Amino acid sequence: MTDERGDLGDNADLAALIRTIPDYPKPGIQFRDITTLLLDAQGFGRCIDRMAAQVADLKPDLIAGIEARGFIFGAALAHKLGCGLLLVRKKNKLPGAVLGINYALEYGQDRIEMHADACTPGARVLVVDDLIATGGTALATVQLLAQAGAEVLGAAFVIDLPDLGGADRLRARGLRVDALLGFAGD
C-alpha cells in the first residue's frame, strides 16, 4: 500500500501510530515522532515482531543499538531474537575503555563510542535505530563496528526517509537495509 506518507507496505497500522510534528526542530522538517507508537503496547509489540521477522534470517550475535531511540528498539529486538545488545553512545557516556569514531555532520563533527570489549572479532552484528535519514550516524556505527572486527550484517529501522538517502548510502557500502515504513518527501 502506498499513500502520501510513502511506502507503507502492510504496516499502515504502525504508520497510524506515528505522530508527525510539522516544522520541528526547524521550519520545513516533518518530524516523525515514534513516542506515540511506544505508548501503544500492542502496536509496539507488532513493530518488534515485524522487525524480528524481517531480520531473523541474519542470525545476529549482537544488536548494535544507536543512542538513544535505537536502544529502545534494539533492546526489544535483541530479546526477541535471543542475542546480546551492544550500545553505541555519544562521546563520554561510557565508563572504561572505549573505541570511538568521529564523523561529519552538516555543520561540524560528532563522535560515537562503544566499549572496547563489547564486540569480539567476527561477531555478527545488526545495526538498529528508529529512523534512517541521511545515514551519517548509521554509517559511522558501521565503521566503528568494522574497526572492532565485527561482521556487520546490515541495518534495521522502523522508519526510512528515502528522499534523504541514508538507506541508499548504506546499500552502496554493500549492506542490507530493512525498514518497516517509508515516509517520502521528508
C-alpha atoms as a PDB file:
ATOM      1  CA  MET A   1       0.000   0.000   0.000  1.00  0.00           C
ATOM      2  CA  THR A   2       1.335   3.445  -0.877  1.00  0.00           C
ATOM      3  CA  ASP A   3      -0.138   6.786   0.087  1.00  0.00           C
ATOM      4  CA  GLU A   4       1.067  10.351   0.596  1.00  0.00           C
ATOM      5  CA  ARG A   5       3.165   9.171   3.521  1.00  0.00           C
ATOM      6  CA  GLY A   6       5.202   6.849   1.305  1.00  0.00           C
ATOM      7  CA  ASP A   7       5.641   3.104   1.100  1.00  0.00           C
ATOM      8  CA  LEU A   8       3.695   1.615   3.989  1.00  0.00           C
ATOM      9  CA  GLY A   9       3.543  -1.983   2.814  1.00  0.00           C
ATOM     10  CA  ASP A  10       1.461  -3.990   5.260  1.00  0.00           C
ATOM     11  CA  ASN A  11       2.397  -1.640   8.091  1.00  0.00           C
ATOM     12  CA  ALA A  12      -0.229   1.084   7.727  1.00  0.00           C
ATOM     13  CA  ASP A  13      -1.411   0.186  11.239  1.00  0.00           C
ATOM     14  CA  LEU A  14       2.021   1.132  12.588  1.00  0.00           C
ATOM     15  CA  ALA A  15       2.206   4.291  10.471  1.00  0.00           C
ATOM     16  CA  ALA A  16      -1.073   5.399  12.029  1.00  0.00           C
ATOM     17  CA  LEU A  17       0.600   5.259  15.460  1.00  0.00           C
ATOM     18  CA  ILE A  18       3.459   7.594  14.459  1.00  0.00           C
ATOM     19  CA  ARG A  19       2.775  11.264  15.027  1.00  0.00           C
ATOM     20  CA  THR A  20       4.071  13.825  12.549  1.00  0.00           C
ATOM     21  CA  ILE A  21       5.113  17.163  14.042  1.00  0.00           C
ATOM     22  CA  PRO A  22       5.499  19.813  11.334  1.00  0.00           C
ATOM     23  CA  ASP A  23       8.336  22.341  11.468  1.00  0.00           C
ATOM     24  CA  TYR A  24      10.281  20.598  14.239  1.00  0.00           C
ATOM     25  CA  PRO A  25      13.106  21.089  15.081  1.00  0.00           C
ATOM     26  CA  LYS A  26      13.155  23.772  12.371  1.00  0.00           C
ATOM     27  CA  PRO A  27      10.828  25.031   9.646  1.00  0.00           C
ATOM     28  CA  GLY A  28      10.304  22.617   6.774  1.00  0.00           C
ATOM     29  CA  ILE A  29      11.074  19.459   8.775  1.00  0.00           C
ATOM     30  CA  GLN A  30       8.331  16.856   9.232  1.00  0.00           C
ATOM     31  CA  PHE A  31       9.441  15.184  12.488  1.00  0.00           C
ATOM     32  CA  ARG A  32       8.332  11.549  12.752  1.00  0.00           C
ATOM     33  CA  ASP A  33       7.652  11.027  16.455  1.00  0.00           C
ATOM     34  CA  ILE A  34       7.770   7.370  17.486  1.00  0.00           C
ATOM     35  CA  THR A  35       6.826   8.093  21.126  1.00  0.00           C
ATOM     36  CA  THR A  36       3.168   7.673  20.190  1.00  0.00           C
ATOM     37  CA  LEU A  37       3.968   4.203  18.801  1.00  0.00           C
ATOM     38  CA  LEU A  38       5.778   3.351  22.041  1.00  0.00           C
ATOM     39  CA  LEU A  39       2.701   4.339  24.068  1.00  0.00           C
ATOM     40  CA  ASP A  40       0.627   1.685  22.330  1.00  0.00           C
ATOM     41  CA  ALA A  41       1.591  -1.689  23.844  1.00  0.00           C
ATOM     42  CA  GLN A  42       0.062  -3.777  21.062  1.00  0.00           C
ATOM     43  CA  GLY A  43       1.442  -1.508  18.338  1.00  0.00           C
ATOM     44  CA  PHE A  44       4.940  -1.566  19.818  1.00  0.00           C
ATOM     45  CA  GLY A  45       4.718  -5.354  20.128  1.00  0.00           C
ATOM     46  CA  ARG A  46       3.653  -5.706  16.477  1.00  0.00           C
ATOM     47  CA  CYS A  47       6.508  -3.398  15.458  1.00  0.00           C
ATOM     48  CA  ILE A  48       9.113  -5.555  17.203  1.00  0.00           C
ATOM     49  CA  ASP A  49       7.557  -8.783  15.915  1.00  0.00           C
ATOM     50  CA  ARG A  50       7.676  -7.462  12.345  1.00  0.00           C
ATOM     51  CA  MET A  51      11.223  -6.161  12.672  1.00  0.00           C
ATOM     52  CA  ALA A  52      12.276  -9.563  14.029  1.00  0.00           C
ATOM     53  CA  ALA A  53      10.564 -11.341  11.124  1.00  0.00           C
ATOM     54  CA  GLN A  54      12.423  -9.116   8.631  1.00  0.00           C
ATOM     55  CA  VAL A  55      15.880  -9.866  10.047  1.00  0.00           C
ATOM     56  CA  ALA A  56      15.626 -13.300  11.683  1.00  0.00           C
ATOM     57  CA  ASP A  57      17.397 -14.934   8.737  1.00  0.00           C
ATOM     58  CA  LEU A  58      20.540 -12.906   9.532  1.00  0.00           C
ATOM     59  CA  LYS A  59      21.013 -14.672  12.881  1.00  0.00           C
ATOM     60  CA  PRO A  60      22.972 -11.884  14.595  1.00  0.00           C
ATOM     61  CA  ASP A  61      25.079 -12.424  17.696  1.00  0.00           C
ATOM     62  CA  LEU A  62      24.562  -8.800  18.721  1.00  0.00           C
ATOM     63  CA  ILE A  63      22.239  -5.911  18.041  1.00  0.00           C
ATOM     64  CA  ALA A  64      24.064  -2.564  17.967  1.00  0.00           C
ATOM     65  CA  GLY A  65      21.511  -0.027  19.226  1.00  0.00           C
ATOM     66  CA  ILE A  66      22.313   3.594  18.378  1.00  0.00           C
ATOM     67  CA  GLU A  67      21.698   6.214  21.078  1.00  0.00           C
ATOM     68  CA  ALA A  68      19.035   6.953  22.058  1.00  0.00           C
ATOM     69  CA  ARG A  69      15.915   5.601  20.389  1.00  0.00           C
ATOM     70  CA  GLY A  70      17.901   2.745  18.893  1.00  0.00           C
ATOM     71  CA  PHE A  71      18.324   1.477  22.454  1.00  0.00           C
ATOM     72  CA  ILE A  72      14.549   1.008  22.745  1.00  0.00           C
ATOM     73  CA  PHE A  73      14.060  -0.908  19.517  1.00  0.00           C
ATOM     74  CA  GLY A  74      17.439  -2.626  19.770  1.00  0.00           C
ATOM     75  CA  ALA A  75      16.783  -3.979  23.273  1.00  0.00           C
ATOM     76  CA  ALA A  76      13.362  -5.352  22.383  1.00  0.00           C
ATOM     77  CA  LEU A  77      14.682  -6.841  19.143  1.00  0.00           C
ATOM     78  CA  ALA A  78      17.694  -8.419  20.882  1.00  0.00           C
ATOM     79  CA  HIS A  79      15.342 -10.043  23.384  1.00  0.00           C
ATOM     80  CA  LYS A  80      13.060 -11.302  20.604  1.00  0.00           C
ATOM     81  CA  LEU A  81      15.994 -12.717  18.588  1.00  0.00           C
ATOM     82  CA  GLY A  82      17.811 -14.138  21.612  1.00  0.00           C
ATOM     83  CA  CYS A  83      21.021 -12.154  21.137  1.00  0.00           C
ATOM     84  CA  GLY A  84      23.013  -9.531  23.021  1.00  0.00           C
ATOM     85  CA  LEU A  85      22.699  -5.749  22.903  1.00  0.00           C
ATOM     86  CA  LEU A  86      25.715  -3.551  22.184  1.00  0.00           C
ATOM     87  CA  LEU A  87      25.260   0.149  22.996  1.00  0.00           C
ATOM     88  CA  VAL A  88      26.605   2.761  20.579  1.00  0.00           C
ATOM     89  CA  ARG A  89      26.734   6.006  22.551  1.00  0.00           C
ATOM     90  CA  LYS A  90      27.599   9.633  22.113  1.00  0.00           C
ATOM     91  CA  LYS A  91      31.069  10.584  23.319  1.00  0.00           C
ATOM     92  CA  ASN A  92      31.975  10.442  27.004  1.00  0.00           C
ATOM     93  CA  LYS A  93      28.884   8.470  28.051  1.00  0.00           C
ATOM     94  CA  LEU A  94      30.538   5.095  28.647  1.00  0.00           C
ATOM     95  CA  PRO A  95      32.861   4.218  31.537  1.00  0.00           C
ATOM     96  CA  GLY A  96      36.077   2.322  30.922  1.00  0.00           C
ATOM     97  CA  ALA A  97      37.989   1.749  27.716  1.00  0.00           C
ATOM     98  CA  VAL A  98      36.147   2.682  24.535  1.00  0.00           C
ATOM     99  CA  LEU A  99      36.565   2.601  20.780  1.00  0.00           C
ATOM    100  CA  GLY A 100      35.313   5.698  19.022  1.00  0.00           C
ATOM    101  CA  ILE A 101      34.973   7.328  15.658  1.00  0.00           C
ATOM    102  CA  ASN A 102      34.427  10.922  14.623  1.00  0.00           C
ATOM    103  CA  TYR A 103      32.051  11.630  11.767  1.00  0.00           C
ATOM    104  CA  ALA A 104      30.911  14.673   9.853  1.00  0.00           C
ATOM    105  CA  LEU A 105      27.642  16.449  10.466  1.00  0.00           C
ATOM    106  CA  GLU A 106      26.109  19.124   8.267  1.00  0.00           C
ATOM    107  CA  TYR A 107      27.882  21.724  10.407  1.00  0.00           C
ATOM    108  CA  GLY A 108      30.800  20.261  12.343  1.00  0.00           C
ATOM    109  CA  GLN A 109      31.592  16.843  13.752  1.00  0.00           C
ATOM    110  CA  ASP A 110      30.258  14.392  16.269  1.00  0.00           C
ATOM    111  CA  ARG A 111      31.625  11.218  17.863  1.00  0.00           C
ATOM    112  CA  ILE A 112      30.167   7.859  18.786  1.00  0.00           C
ATOM    113  CA  GLU A 113      31.742   5.249  21.024  1.00  0.00           C
ATOM    114  CA  MET A 114      31.294   1.708  22.288  1.00  0.00           C
ATOM    115  CA  HIS A 115      33.048  -0.303  24.945  1.00  0.00           C
ATOM    116  CA  ALA A 116      36.335  -1.670  23.620  1.00  0.00           C
ATOM    117  CA  ASP A 117      35.418  -5.176  24.776  1.00  0.00           C
ATOM    118  CA  ALA A 118      31.763  -5.114  23.653  1.00  0.00           C
ATOM    119  CA  CYS A 119      32.343  -6.932  20.400  1.00  0.00           C
ATOM    120  CA  THR A 120      34.737  -9.769  19.687  1.00  0.00           C
ATOM    121  CA  PRO A 121      36.279 -10.011  16.217  1.00  0.00           C
ATOM    122  CA  GLY A 122      33.995 -11.944  13.900  1.00  0.00           C
ATOM    123  CA  ALA A 123      30.820 -11.209  15.878  1.00  0.00           C
ATOM    124  CA  ARG A 124      27.772 -10.979  13.616  1.00  0.00           C
ATOM    125  CA  VAL A 125      26.168  -7.589  14.308  1.00  0.00           C
ATOM    126  CA  LEU A 126      22.971  -5.910  13.147  1.00  0.00           C
ATOM    127  CA  VAL A 127      22.727  -2.111  13.485  1.00  0.00           C
ATOM    128  CA  VAL A 128      19.335  -0.875  14.765  1.00  0.00           C
ATOM    129  CA  ASP A 129      17.802   2.572  15.120  1.00  0.00           C
ATOM    130  CA  ASP A 130      14.331   4.059  14.993  1.00  0.00           C
ATOM    131  CA  LEU A 131      14.862   6.039  11.795  1.00  0.00           C
ATOM    132  CA  ILE A 132      17.292   6.391   8.894  1.00  0.00           C
ATOM    133  CA  ALA A 133      17.561   9.876   7.398  1.00  0.00           C
ATOM    134  CA  THR A 134      20.902  10.975   5.914  1.00  0.00           C
ATOM    135  CA  GLY A 135      22.663   7.932   7.351  1.00  0.00           C
ATOM    136  CA  GLY A 136      25.631   9.721   8.943  1.00  0.00           C
ATOM    137  CA  THR A 137      25.349   8.114  12.355  1.00  0.00           C
ATOM    138  CA  ALA A 138      24.477   4.690  10.934  1.00  0.00           C
ATOM    139  CA  LEU A 139      27.487   4.788   8.589  1.00  0.00           C
ATOM    140  CA  ALA A 140      29.745   5.840  11.462  1.00  0.00           C
ATOM    141  CA  THR A 141      28.362   2.946  13.521  1.00  0.00           C
ATOM    142  CA  VAL A 142      29.154   0.507  10.713  1.00  0.00           C
ATOM    143  CA  GLN A 143      32.716   1.882  10.527  1.00  0.00           C
ATOM    144  CA  LEU A 144      33.120   1.647  14.303  1.00  0.00           C
ATOM    145  CA  LEU A 145      31.949  -1.968  14.339  1.00  0.00           C
ATOM    146  CA  ALA A 146      34.273  -2.827  11.452  1.00  0.00           C
ATOM    147  CA  GLN A 147      37.126  -1.232  13.415  1.00  0.00           C
ATOM    148  CA  ALA A 148      36.306  -3.687  16.226  1.00  0.00           C
ATOM    149  CA  GLY A 149      36.417  -6.615  13.789  1.00  0.00           C
ATOM    150  CA  ALA A 150      32.670  -7.235  13.620  1.00  0.00           C
ATOM    151  CA  GLU A 151      30.888  -8.689  10.635  1.00  0.00           C
ATOM    152  CA  VAL A 152      28.173  -6.085  10.059  1.00  0.00           C
ATOM    153  CA  LEU A 153      25.166  -7.927   8.652  1.00  0.00           C
ATOM    154  CA  GLY A 154      23.067  -4.896   7.844  1.00  0.00           C
ATOM    155  CA  ALA A 155      20.843  -2.323   9.457  1.00  0.00           C
ATOM    156  CA  ALA A 156      17.189  -2.305  10.520  1.00  0.00           C
ATOM    157  CA  PHE A 157      14.948   0.679  11.138  1.00  0.00           C
ATOM    158  CA  VAL A 158      11.315   1.343  11.898  1.00  0.00           C
ATOM    159  CA  ILE A 159      11.267   4.325   9.503  1.00  0.00           C
ATOM    160  CA  ASP A 160      13.175   5.188   6.335  1.00  0.00           C
ATOM    161  CA  LEU A 161      13.117   8.718   4.938  1.00  0.00           C
ATOM    162  CA  PRO A 162      14.171   7.655   1.421  1.00  0.00           C
ATOM    163  CA  ASP A 163      14.440  11.163  -0.009  1.00  0.00           C
ATOM    164  CA  LEU A 164      17.317  11.878   2.404  1.00  0.00           C
ATOM    165  CA  GLY A 165      19.360   8.982   1.004  1.00  0.00           C
ATOM    166  CA  GLY A 166      20.688   7.308   4.145  1.00  0.00           C
ATOM    167  CA  ALA A 167      19.460   3.814   3.294  1.00  0.00           C
ATOM    168  CA  ASP A 168      20.955   4.130  -0.190  1.00  0.00           C
ATOM    169  CA  ARG A 169      24.296   5.177   1.343  1.00  0.00           C
ATOM    170  CA  LEU A 170      24.299   2.030   3.478  1.00  0.00           C
ATOM    171  CA  ARG A 171      23.369  -0.128   0.487  1.00  0.00           C
ATOM    172  CA  ALA A 172      26.206   1.472  -1.509  1.00  0.00           C
ATOM    173  CA  ARG A 173      28.524   0.017   1.166  1.00  0.00           C
ATOM    174  CA  GLY A 174      27.124  -3.421   0.429  1.00  0.00           C
ATOM    175  CA  LEU A 175      24.842  -3.568   3.457  1.00  0.00           C
ATOM    176  CA  ARG A 176      21.342  -4.925   3.659  1.00  0.00           C
ATOM    177  CA  VAL A 177      18.836  -2.350   4.906  1.00  0.00           C
ATOM    178  CA  ASP A 178      15.406  -3.223   6.307  1.00  0.00           C
ATOM    179  CA  ALA A 179      12.722  -0.720   7.315  1.00  0.00           C
ATOM    180  CA  LEU A 180       9.074  -1.240   8.159  1.00  0.00           C
ATOM    181  CA  LEU A 181       7.928   2.163   6.907  1.00  0.00           C
ATOM    182  CA  GLY A 182       8.991   4.700   4.319  1.00  0.00           C
ATOM    183  CA  PHE A 183       7.856   8.316   4.511  1.00  0.00           C
ATOM    184  CA  ALA A 184       8.532  10.037   1.193  1.00  0.00           C
ATOM    185  CA  GLY A 185       9.039  13.769   0.921  1.00  0.00           C
ATOM    186  CA  ASP A 186      10.944  14.251   4.178  1.00  0.00           C
END
